[in-house]
Amino acid sequence: MKIIKKLLFLVLIALSSLFYAFITSTQSHTLTPAQNTAIVFDLGGVLFDTDRSIVLNEQIGKYYTIRYALLHISFSSKTMKTRWFAVLEQVAKNNNHTYAFHNEDGTPLEVKDEHGSTIPSYMLEWMTGKRSNKELFDEIVFGIQALKDLSYSDKQFMINLTKVFLPELFVASRKPIQQTVALLKSLKKKGYPLYVLSNWDKESFEKMLETYPEIFKLFDGYIVSGIVHLAKPDPRIYKELERQFPHAEYIFIDDQKDNLATARECGWNALKVKYGALQKKKTKQAIMALL
């Protein structure tokens, strides 16, 4: 009888151990995404798009836009932006402004916009937050006004484009991409840690936090160029996110191939979306395929 009781006791212990192991493994599996896989979002073109009506009506002005387009046979925003970049570079040259981001070895780091165009030095400095936006804006405006090869209306058009440096107007001209917001909410409910990794100036980003608290509360943290003084595609800004928010894996969502290439070099999974046109269902499926 004693032997039988002893055997039953051992069987109960074994069953208890198996049950405990099962429960533990189930909980561990359930928590794995939240503990180990972080999903990192860019802002411009991924979470926020340009509100063109605000840009046209409140920033540039219809009159100057139409006049410039007709005089220069320039009807695409890409062409206008390219010419604005050229003006900013001319002002920088006249002012001996040579600001640049640098790689770890000290070489200049080329940063591009959503069209693949190299960003001018003034915009690079704007991204760092080392000088106030107003100071940079005033310096550029003075430089544009001093250019001798631009008409008055062309100068005004370029000055109005440069108002993007002013936080209030810049933030007013951004609008959330609702498909991305819905995706963030869905991922948040599933327990995934969410982060921002963006080239964005400090003053405008702080204004964005105030303007869209319901969106940014979905994130567990953010790394922004104007705060950390680094910029994509420099690998160090990715490493800074890893340092501040350590996880076993990262999935990065961006609209620029150079930024995605560096993410992959850092060992991250990377997912490209078309600027301002994220499709929630397809993007979510692509994210899930990477998990």
C-alpha atoms as a PDB file:
ATOM      1  CA  MET A   1       0.000   0.000   0.000  1.00  0.00           C
ATOM      2  CA  LYS A   2       2.817   2.375   0.905  1.00  0.00           C
ATOM      3  CA  ILE A   3       4.518   1.624  -2.397  1.00  0.00           C
ATOM      4  CA  ILE A   4       1.321   2.394  -4.328  1.00  0.00           C
ATOM      5  CA  LYS A   5       0.879   5.705  -2.475  1.00  0.00           C
ATOM      6  CA  LYS A   6       4.495   6.580  -3.175  1.00  0.00           C
ATOM      7  CA  LEU A   7       4.050   5.814  -6.870  1.00  0.00           C
ATOM      8  CA  LEU A   8       0.861   7.915  -7.030  1.00  0.00           C
ATOM      9  CA  PHE A   9       2.694  10.767  -5.348  1.00  0.00           C
ATOM     10  CA  LEU A  10       5.505  10.586  -7.892  1.00  0.00           C
ATOM     11  CA  VAL A  11       3.003  10.475 -10.742  1.00  0.00           C
ATOM     12  CA  LEU A  12       1.257  13.589  -9.384  1.00  0.00           C
ATOM     13  CA  ILE A  13       4.582  15.426  -9.152  1.00  0.00           C
ATOM     14  CA  ALA A  14       5.437  14.446 -12.724  1.00  0.00           C
ATOM     15  CA  LEU A  15       2.029  15.563 -13.993  1.00  0.00           C
ATOM     16  CA  SER A  16       2.337  18.851 -12.108  1.00  0.00           C
ATOM     17  CA  SER A  17       5.748  19.457 -13.671  1.00  0.00           C
ATOM     18  CA  LEU A  18       4.434  18.742 -17.140  1.00  0.00           C
ATOM     19  CA  PHE A  19       1.452  21.042 -16.591  1.00  0.00           C
ATOM     20  CA  TYR A  20       3.713  23.839 -15.317  1.00  0.00           C
ATOM     21  CA  ALA A  21       6.041  23.411 -18.302  1.00  0.00           C
ATOM     22  CA  PHE A  22       3.076  23.583 -20.684  1.00  0.00           C
ATOM     23  CA  ILE A  23       1.679  26.746 -19.090  1.00  0.00           C
ATOM     24  CA  THR A  24       5.085  28.409 -19.035  1.00  0.00           C
ATOM     25  CA  SER A  25       5.817  27.600 -22.670  1.00  0.00           C
ATOM     26  CA  THR A  26       2.373  28.862 -23.721  1.00  0.00           C
ATOM     27  CA  GLN A  27       2.805  32.150 -21.869  1.00  0.00           C
ATOM     28  CA  SER A  28       6.312  32.560 -23.257  1.00  0.00           C
ATOM     29  CA  HIS A  29       5.024  32.060 -26.806  1.00  0.00           C
ATOM     30  CA  THR A  30       2.229  34.564 -26.230  1.00  0.00           C
ATOM     31  CA  LEU A  31       4.617  37.203 -24.922  1.00  0.00           C
ATOM     32  CA  THR A  32       7.351  36.693 -27.485  1.00  0.00           C
ATOM     33  CA  PRO A  33       6.250  39.438 -29.945  1.00  0.00           C
ATOM     34  CA  ALA A  34       5.850  42.049 -27.206  1.00  0.00           C
ATOM     35  CA  GLN A  35       9.152  41.140 -25.592  1.00  0.00           C
ATOM     36  CA  ASN A  36      11.338  40.503 -28.607  1.00  0.00           C
ATOM     37  CA  THR A  37      10.071  42.158 -31.806  1.00  0.00           C
ATOM     38  CA  ALA A  38       9.926  45.949 -32.110  1.00  0.00           C
ATOM     39  CA  ILE A  39       8.231  47.639 -35.058  1.00  0.00           C
ATOM     40  CA  VAL A  40       9.800  50.955 -36.046  1.00  0.00           C
ATOM     41  CA  PHE A  41       8.051  53.602 -38.153  1.00  0.00           C
ATOM     42  CA  ASP A  42       9.322  56.560 -40.140  1.00  0.00           C
ATOM     43  CA  LEU A  43       7.129  59.683 -39.948  1.00  0.00           C
ATOM     44  CA  GLY A  44       7.132  61.623 -43.231  1.00  0.00           C
ATOM     45  CA  GLY A  45       5.482  59.654 -46.003  1.00  0.00           C
ATOM     46  CA  VAL A  46       4.699  56.734 -43.694  1.00  0.00           C
ATOM     47  CA  LEU A  47       2.660  58.149 -40.809  1.00  0.00           C
ATOM     48  CA  PHE A  48       2.166  61.727 -42.034  1.00  0.00           C
ATOM     49  CA  ASP A  49       1.569  63.042 -45.541  1.00  0.00           C
ATOM     50  CA  THR A  50       1.643  66.594 -46.936  1.00  0.00           C
ATOM     51  CA  ASP A  51      -1.635  68.507 -46.861  1.00  0.00           C
ATOM     52  CA  ARG A  52      -1.291  70.136 -50.258  1.00  0.00           C
ATOM     53  CA  SER A  53      -4.227  72.495 -49.766  1.00  0.00           C
ATOM     54  CA  ILE A  54      -2.510  74.022 -46.712  1.00  0.00           C
ATOM     55  CA  VAL A  55       0.800  74.262 -48.576  1.00  0.00           C
ATOM     56  CA  LEU A  56      -0.827  75.920 -51.585  1.00  0.00           C
ATOM     57  CA  ASN A  57      -3.212  78.266 -49.781  1.00  0.00           C
ATOM     58  CA  GLU A  58      -1.392  79.158 -46.571  1.00  0.00           C
ATOM     59  CA  GLN A  59       2.290  78.586 -47.242  1.00  0.00           C
ATOM     60  CA  ILE A  60       3.164  79.288 -50.871  1.00  0.00           C
ATOM     61  CA  GLY A  61       0.078  81.084 -52.167  1.00  0.00           C
ATOM     62  CA  LYS A  62      -1.859  80.275 -55.351  1.00  0.00           C
ATOM     63  CA  TYR A  63      -0.758  83.441 -57.139  1.00  0.00           C
ATOM     64  CA  TYR A  64       2.970  82.820 -56.767  1.00  0.00           C
ATOM     65  CA  THR A  65       2.588  79.103 -57.505  1.00  0.00           C
ATOM     66  CA  ILE A  66       0.634  79.623 -60.733  1.00  0.00           C
ATOM     67  CA  ARG A  67       2.883  82.476 -61.850  1.00  0.00           C
ATOM     68  CA  TYR A  68       6.035  80.438 -61.208  1.00  0.00           C
ATOM     69  CA  ALA A  69       4.600  77.356 -62.936  1.00  0.00           C
ATOM     70  CA  LEU A  70       3.614  79.286 -66.087  1.00  0.00           C
ATOM     71  CA  LEU A  71       6.814  81.312 -66.347  1.00  0.00           C
ATOM     72  CA  HIS A  72       9.114  78.317 -65.858  1.00  0.00           C
ATOM     73  CA  ILE A  73       6.934  75.599 -67.420  1.00  0.00           C
ATOM     74  CA  SER A  74       7.156  73.807 -64.071  1.00  0.00           C
ATOM     75  CA  PHE A  75       3.961  72.069 -63.053  1.00  0.00           C
ATOM     76  CA  SER A  76       5.111  69.204 -60.807  1.00  0.00           C
ATOM     77  CA  SER A  77       5.894  69.549 -57.121  1.00  0.00           C
ATOM     78  CA  LYS A  78       9.051  67.495 -57.698  1.00  0.00           C
ATOM     79  CA  THR A  79      10.395  69.959 -60.275  1.00  0.00           C
ATOM     80  CA  MET A  80       9.576  72.946 -58.072  1.00  0.00           C
ATOM     81  CA  LYS A  81      11.258  71.298 -55.104  1.00  0.00           C
ATOM     82  CA  THR A  82      14.364  70.553 -57.167  1.00  0.00           C
ATOM     83  CA  ARG A  83      14.629  74.231 -58.131  1.00  0.00           C
ATOM     84  CA  TRP A  84      14.096  75.302 -54.522  1.00  0.00           C
ATOM     85  CA  PHE A  85      16.904  72.968 -53.436  1.00  0.00           C
ATOM     86  CA  ALA A  86      19.144  74.617 -56.057  1.00  0.00           C
ATOM     87  CA  VAL A  87      18.303  78.060 -54.628  1.00  0.00           C
ATOM     88  CA  LEU A  88      19.069  76.870 -51.082  1.00  0.00           C
ATOM     89  CA  GLU A  89      22.418  75.539 -52.288  1.00  0.00           C
ATOM     90  CA  GLN A  90      23.203  78.848 -54.003  1.00  0.00           C
ATOM     91  CA  VAL A  91      22.403  80.748 -50.802  1.00  0.00           C
ATOM     92  CA  ALA A  92      24.559  78.297 -48.844  1.00  0.00           C
ATOM     93  CA  LYS A  93      27.444  78.827 -51.274  1.00  0.00           C
ATOM     94  CA  ASN A  94      27.145  82.613 -51.001  1.00  0.00           C
ATOM     95  CA  ASN A  95      27.094  82.354 -47.188  1.00  0.00           C
ATOM     96  CA  ASN A  96      29.922  79.789 -47.037  1.00  0.00           C
ATOM     97  CA  HIS A  97      27.463  77.471 -45.309  1.00  0.00           C
ATOM     98  CA  THR A  98      28.919  73.960 -45.439  1.00  0.00           C
ATOM     99  CA  TYR A  99      26.980  72.100 -42.761  1.00  0.00           C
ATOM    100  CA  ALA A 100      26.929  68.324 -43.238  1.00  0.00           C
ATOM    101  CA  PHE A 101      26.196  65.118 -41.409  1.00  0.00           C
ATOM    102  CA  HIS A 102      29.172  62.800 -41.205  1.00  0.00           C
ATOM    103  CA  ASN A 103      29.717  59.079 -41.125  1.00  0.00           C
ATOM    104  CA  GLU A 104      31.678  57.503 -38.302  1.00  0.00           C
ATOM    105  CA  ASP A 105      34.871  57.788 -40.372  1.00  0.00           C
ATOM    106  CA  GLY A 106      34.362  61.546 -40.793  1.00  0.00           C
ATOM    107  CA  THR A 107      33.190  61.521 -44.414  1.00  0.00           C
ATOM    108  CA  PRO A 108      30.074  63.566 -45.333  1.00  0.00           C
ATOM    109  CA  LEU A 109      26.815  61.602 -45.189  1.00  0.00           C
ATOM    110  CA  GLU A 110      24.452  62.100 -48.100  1.00  0.00           C
ATOM    111  CA  VAL A 111      20.828  62.428 -46.982  1.00  0.00           C
ATOM    112  CA  LYS A 112      18.063  62.273 -49.588  1.00  0.00           C
ATOM    113  CA  ASP A 113      14.398  63.216 -49.796  1.00  0.00           C
ATOM    114  CA  GLU A 114      11.504  61.016 -50.911  1.00  0.00           C
ATOM    115  CA  HIS A 115      12.377  61.658 -54.583  1.00  0.00           C
ATOM    116  CA  GLY A 116      16.001  60.620 -54.150  1.00  0.00           C
ATOM    117  CA  SER A 117      17.323  64.200 -54.339  1.00  0.00           C
ATOM    118  CA  THR A 118      20.217  65.176 -52.071  1.00  0.00           C
ATOM    119  CA  ILE A 119      19.053  67.435 -49.248  1.00  0.00           C
ATOM    120  CA  PRO A 120      20.755  70.878 -49.112  1.00  0.00           C
ATOM    121  CA  SER A 121      23.071  71.808 -46.249  1.00  0.00           C
ATOM    122  CA  TYR A 122      20.593  74.247 -44.670  1.00  0.00           C
ATOM    123  CA  MET A 123      18.000  71.498 -44.417  1.00  0.00           C
ATOM    124  CA  LEU A 124      20.564  69.187 -42.841  1.00  0.00           C
ATOM    125  CA  GLU A 125      21.264  71.787 -40.169  1.00  0.00           C
ATOM    126  CA  TRP A 126      17.527  72.279 -39.704  1.00  0.00           C
ATOM    127  CA  MET A 127      17.222  68.564 -38.943  1.00  0.00           C
ATOM    128  CA  THR A 128      19.743  68.734 -36.100  1.00  0.00           C
ATOM    129  CA  GLY A 129      18.017  71.388 -34.012  1.00  0.00           C
ATOM    130  CA  LYS A 130      21.364  73.020 -33.172  1.00  0.00           C
ATOM    131  CA  ARG A 131      20.113  76.445 -34.285  1.00  0.00           C
ATOM    132  CA  SER A 132      16.593  77.756 -33.927  1.00  0.00           C
ATOM    133  CA  ASN A 133      14.287  77.335 -36.909  1.00  0.00           C
ATOM    134  CA  LYS A 134      13.620  81.083 -36.988  1.00  0.00           C
ATOM    135  CA  GLU A 135      17.331  81.889 -37.112  1.00  0.00           C
ATOM    136  CA  LEU A 136      17.838  79.563 -40.058  1.00  0.00           C
ATOM    137  CA  PHE A 137      14.731  80.881 -41.812  1.00  0.00           C
ATOM    138  CA  ASP A 138      15.825  84.527 -41.454  1.00  0.00           C
ATOM    139  CA  GLU A 139      19.317  83.730 -42.763  1.00  0.00           C
ATOM    140  CA  ILE A 140      17.962  81.919 -45.807  1.00  0.00           C
ATOM    141  CA  VAL A 141      15.396  84.641 -46.570  1.00  0.00           C
ATOM    142  CA  PHE A 142      18.114  87.302 -46.426  1.00  0.00           C
ATOM    143  CA  GLY A 143      20.195  85.163 -48.790  1.00  0.00           C
ATOM    144  CA  ILE A 144      17.325  84.688 -51.261  1.00  0.00           C
ATOM    145  CA  GLN A 145      16.607  88.405 -51.316  1.00  0.00           C
ATOM    146  CA  ALA A 146      20.282  89.050 -52.155  1.00  0.00           C
ATOM    147  CA  LEU A 147      20.235  86.799 -55.243  1.00  0.00           C
ATOM    148  CA  LYS A 148      20.549  88.864 -58.422  1.00  0.00           C
ATOM    149  CA  ASP A 149      19.275  86.332 -60.956  1.00  0.00           C
ATOM    150  CA  LEU A 150      15.760  85.951 -59.507  1.00  0.00           C
ATOM    151  CA  SER A 151      12.772  88.213 -60.133  1.00  0.00           C
ATOM    152  CA  TYR A 152      10.784  89.609 -57.199  1.00  0.00           C
ATOM    153  CA  SER A 153       7.973  87.076 -57.676  1.00  0.00           C
ATOM    154  CA  ASP A 154      10.430  84.166 -57.952  1.00  0.00           C
ATOM    155  CA  LYS A 155      12.148  85.303 -54.766  1.00  0.00           C
ATOM    156  CA  GLN A 156       8.800  85.473 -52.980  1.00  0.00           C
ATOM    157  CA  PHE A 157       7.916  82.003 -54.256  1.00  0.00           C
ATOM    158  CA  MET A 158      11.203  80.589 -52.909  1.00  0.00           C
ATOM    159  CA  ILE A 159      10.784  82.430 -49.587  1.00  0.00           C
ATOM    160  CA  ASN A 160       7.290  80.973 -49.226  1.00  0.00           C
ATOM    161  CA  LEU A 161       8.653  77.481 -49.859  1.00  0.00           C
ATOM    162  CA  THR A 162      11.248  78.135 -47.154  1.00  0.00           C
ATOM    163  CA  LYS A 163       8.451  78.709 -44.625  1.00  0.00           C
ATOM    164  CA  VAL A 164       8.600  74.938 -44.147  1.00  0.00           C
ATOM    165  CA  PHE A 165      11.329  75.819 -41.608  1.00  0.00           C
ATOM    166  CA  LEU A 166       8.704  77.476 -39.366  1.00  0.00           C
ATOM    167  CA  PRO A 167       7.260  74.828 -36.979  1.00  0.00           C
ATOM    168  CA  GLU A 168       3.683  76.142 -36.797  1.00  0.00           C
ATOM    169  CA  LEU A 169       3.235  76.192 -40.551  1.00  0.00           C
ATOM    170  CA  PHE A 170       5.140  72.966 -41.146  1.00  0.00           C
ATOM    171  CA  VAL A 171       3.060  71.018 -38.632  1.00  0.00           C
ATOM    172  CA  ALA A 172      -0.160  72.570 -39.965  1.00  0.00           C
ATOM    173  CA  SER A 173       0.749  71.259 -43.418  1.00  0.00           C
ATOM    174  CA  ARG A 174       1.101  67.651 -42.197  1.00  0.00           C
ATOM    175  CA  LYS A 175      -1.857  65.280 -42.028  1.00  0.00           C
ATOM    176  CA  PRO A 176      -2.008  61.770 -40.536  1.00  0.00           C
ATOM    177  CA  ILE A 177      -2.246  58.838 -42.930  1.00  0.00           C
ATOM    178  CA  GLN A 178      -5.257  57.120 -41.413  1.00  0.00           C
ATOM    179  CA  GLN A 179      -4.328  53.688 -42.788  1.00  0.00           C
ATOM    180  CA  THR A 180      -1.079  53.855 -40.801  1.00  0.00           C
ATOM    181  CA  VAL A 181      -2.862  55.067 -37.677  1.00  0.00           C
ATOM    182  CA  ALA A 182      -5.256  52.102 -37.923  1.00  0.00           C
ATOM    183  CA  LEU A 183      -2.294  49.764 -38.387  1.00  0.00           C
ATOM    184  CA  LEU A 184      -0.556  51.207 -35.319  1.00  0.00           C
ATOM    185  CA  LYS A 185      -3.662  50.653 -33.208  1.00  0.00           C
ATOM    186  CA  SER A 186      -3.971  47.078 -34.434  1.00  0.00           C
ATOM    187  CA  LEU A 187      -0.309  46.290 -33.685  1.00  0.00           C
ATOM    188  CA  LYS A 188      -0.566  47.987 -30.289  1.00  0.00           C
ATOM    189  CA  LYS A 189      -3.497  45.754 -29.330  1.00  0.00           C
ATOM    190  CA  LYS A 190      -1.406  42.715 -30.219  1.00  0.00           C
ATOM    191  CA  GLY A 191       1.273  43.873 -27.774  1.00  0.00           C
ATOM    192  CA  TYR A 192       4.038  44.890 -30.169  1.00  0.00           C
ATOM    193  CA  PRO A 193       6.372  47.664 -28.957  1.00  0.00           C
ATOM    194  CA  LEU A 194       6.223  50.559 -31.446  1.00  0.00           C
ATOM    195  CA  TYR A 195       8.884  53.214 -32.081  1.00  0.00           C
ATOM    196  CA  VAL A 196       9.576  56.236 -34.269  1.00  0.00           C
ATOM    197  CA  LEU A 197      12.838  56.643 -36.195  1.00  0.00           C
ATOM    198  CA  SER A 198      12.734  59.840 -38.216  1.00  0.00           C
ATOM    199  CA  ASN A 199      14.760  62.686 -39.703  1.00  0.00           C
ATOM    200  CA  TRP A 200      12.746  65.548 -38.218  1.00  0.00           C
ATOM    201  CA  ASP A 201      13.718  68.863 -36.697  1.00  0.00           C
ATOM    202  CA  LYS A 202      13.349  69.173 -32.924  1.00  0.00           C
ATOM    203  CA  GLU A 203      10.989  72.172 -32.787  1.00  0.00           C
ATOM    204  CA  SER A 204       8.506  70.781 -35.316  1.00  0.00           C
ATOM    205  CA  PHE A 205       8.579  67.334 -33.727  1.00  0.00           C
ATOM    206  CA  GLU A 206       7.771  68.799 -30.306  1.00  0.00           C
ATOM    207  CA  LYS A 207       4.881  70.648 -31.954  1.00  0.00           C
ATOM    208  CA  MET A 208       3.720  67.377 -33.527  1.00  0.00           C
ATOM    209  CA  LEU A 209       3.647  65.735 -30.082  1.00  0.00           C
ATOM    210  CA  GLU A 210       1.369  68.534 -28.859  1.00  0.00           C
ATOM    211  CA  THR A 211      -0.847  68.439 -31.952  1.00  0.00           C
ATOM    212  CA  TYR A 212      -1.327  64.666 -32.193  1.00  0.00           C
ATOM    213  CA  PRO A 213      -1.079  63.256 -28.649  1.00  0.00           C
ATOM    214  CA  GLU A 214      -3.578  60.489 -29.459  1.00  0.00           C
ATOM    215  CA  ILE A 215      -1.229  59.175 -32.179  1.00  0.00           C
ATOM    216  CA  PHE A 216       2.082  59.489 -30.368  1.00  0.00           C
ATOM    217  CA  LYS A 217       0.739  57.819 -27.214  1.00  0.00           C
ATOM    218  CA  LEU A 218       0.668  54.615 -29.310  1.00  0.00           C
ATOM    219  CA  PHE A 219       4.476  54.655 -29.424  1.00  0.00           C
ATOM    220  CA  ASP A 220       6.789  53.350 -26.724  1.00  0.00           C
ATOM    221  CA  GLY A 221       9.601  55.721 -27.681  1.00  0.00           C
ATOM    222  CA  TYR A 222      11.166  57.700 -30.493  1.00  0.00           C
ATOM    223  CA  ILE A 223      14.527  58.592 -31.981  1.00  0.00           C
ATOM    224  CA  VAL A 224      14.477  61.855 -33.934  1.00  0.00           C
ATOM    225  CA  SER A 225      17.421  63.466 -35.743  1.00  0.00           C
ATOM    226  CA  GLY A 226      16.842  66.893 -34.194  1.00  0.00           C
ATOM    227  CA  ILE A 227      17.105  65.411 -30.702  1.00  0.00           C
ATOM    228  CA  VAL A 228      19.971  62.918 -31.090  1.00  0.00           C
ATOM    229  CA  HIS A 229      21.884  64.959 -33.745  1.00  0.00           C
ATOM    230  CA  LEU A 230      22.192  61.955 -36.044  1.00  0.00           C
ATOM    231  CA  ALA A 231      20.294  61.186 -39.236  1.00  0.00           C
ATOM    232  CA  LYS A 232      19.281  58.271 -41.388  1.00  0.00           C
ATOM    233  CA  PRO A 233      20.942  56.573 -43.212  1.00  0.00           C
ATOM    234  CA  ASP A 234      23.808  56.857 -40.698  1.00  0.00           C
ATOM    235  CA  PRO A 235      24.005  53.454 -38.936  1.00  0.00           C
ATOM    236  CA  ARG A 236      24.609  55.225 -35.620  1.00  0.00           C
ATOM    237  CA  ILE A 237      21.024  56.480 -35.387  1.00  0.00           C
ATOM    238  CA  TYR A 238      19.773  52.891 -35.739  1.00  0.00           C
ATOM    239  CA  LYS A 239      22.246  51.792 -33.070  1.00  0.00           C
ATOM    240  CA  GLU A 240      21.003  54.606 -30.838  1.00  0.00           C
ATOM    241  CA  LEU A 241      17.477  53.221 -31.058  1.00  0.00           C
ATOM    242  CA  GLU A 242      18.811  49.763 -30.200  1.00  0.00           C
ATOM    243  CA  ARG A 243      20.708  51.200 -27.237  1.00  0.00           C
ATOM    244  CA  GLN A 244      17.737  53.074 -25.809  1.00  0.00           C
ATOM    245  CA  PHE A 245      15.111  50.445 -26.660  1.00  0.00           C
ATOM    246  CA  PRO A 246      16.745  46.988 -26.734  1.00  0.00           C
ATOM    247  CA  HIS A 247      14.849  44.150 -28.416  1.00  0.00           C
ATOM    248  CA  ALA A 248      15.905  40.938 -30.080  1.00  0.00           C
ATOM    249  CA  GLU A 249      14.452  41.921 -33.465  1.00  0.00           C
ATOM    250  CA  TYR A 250      13.389  45.069 -35.304  1.00  0.00           C
ATOM    251  CA  ILE A 251      11.082  45.620 -38.259  1.00  0.00           C
ATOM    252  CA  PHE A 252      11.570  49.003 -39.927  1.00  0.00           C
ATOM    253  CA  ILE A 253       8.981  50.716 -42.166  1.00  0.00           C
ATOM    254  CA  ASP A 254      10.220  53.580 -44.353  1.00  0.00           C
ATOM    255  CA  ASP A 255       9.685  55.060 -47.809  1.00  0.00           C
ATOM    256  CA  GLN A 256      13.347  55.571 -48.804  1.00  0.00           C
ATOM    257  CA  LYS A 257      15.597  52.806 -50.080  1.00  0.00           C
ATOM    258  CA  ASP A 258      18.834  54.177 -48.548  1.00  0.00           C
ATOM    259  CA  ASN A 259      17.296  54.188 -45.081  1.00  0.00           C
ATOM    260  CA  LEU A 260      16.002  50.653 -45.569  1.00  0.00           C
ATOM    261  CA  ALA A 261      19.372  49.450 -46.865  1.00  0.00           C
ATOM    262  CA  THR A 262      21.120  50.640 -43.694  1.00  0.00           C
ATOM    263  CA  ALA A 263      18.439  49.007 -41.544  1.00  0.00           C
ATOM    264  CA  ARG A 264      19.151  45.685 -43.256  1.00  0.00           C
ATOM    265  CA  GLU A 265      22.898  46.194 -42.751  1.00  0.00           C
ATOM    266  CA  CYS A 266      22.157  46.587 -39.039  1.00  0.00           C
ATOM    267  CA  GLY A 267      20.388  43.224 -39.044  1.00  0.00           C
ATOM    268  CA  TRP A 268      16.853  44.635 -39.080  1.00  0.00           C
ATOM    269  CA  ASN A 269      13.992  43.467 -41.243  1.00  0.00           C
ATOM    270  CA  ALA A 270      12.914  46.325 -43.503  1.00  0.00           C
ATOM    271  CA  LEU A 271       9.716  47.097 -45.367  1.00  0.00           C
ATOM    272  CA  LYS A 272       9.358  49.798 -48.039  1.00  0.00           C
ATOM    273  CA  VAL A 273       6.111  51.676 -48.537  1.00  0.00           C
ATOM    274  CA  LYS A 274       5.300  54.189 -51.232  1.00  0.00           C
ATOM    275  CA  TYR A 275       5.457  57.785 -49.995  1.00  0.00           C
ATOM    276  CA  GLY A 276       2.106  58.835 -48.567  1.00  0.00           C
ATOM    277  CA  ALA A 277       0.311  55.698 -49.771  1.00  0.00           C
ATOM    278  CA  LEU A 278       0.546  53.002 -47.131  1.00  0.00           C
ATOM    279  CA  GLN A 279      -1.998  50.214 -47.602  1.00  0.00           C
ATOM    280  CA  LYS A 280      -2.950  48.877 -44.196  1.00  0.00           C
ATOM    281  CA  LYS A 281      -3.890  45.338 -45.240  1.00  0.00           C
ATOM    282  CA  LYS A 282      -0.852  44.725 -47.476  1.00  0.00           C
ATOM    283  CA  THR A 283       1.540  46.336 -45.026  1.00  0.00           C
ATOM    284  CA  LYS A 284       0.149  44.353 -42.118  1.00  0.00           C
ATOM    285  CA  GLN A 285       0.459  41.132 -44.121  1.00  0.00           C
ATOM    286  CA  ALA A 286       4.055  42.016 -44.987  1.00  0.00           C
ATOM    287  CA  ILE A 287       4.847  42.727 -41.316  1.00  0.00           C
ATOM    288  CA  MET A 288       3.291  39.459 -40.213  1.00  0.00           C
ATOM    289  CA  ALA A 289       5.307  37.611 -42.839  1.00  0.00           C
ATOM    290  CA  LEU A 290       8.489  38.965 -41.253  1.00  0.00           C
ATOM    291  CA  LEU A 291       7.576  37.849 -37.715  1.00  0.00           C
END
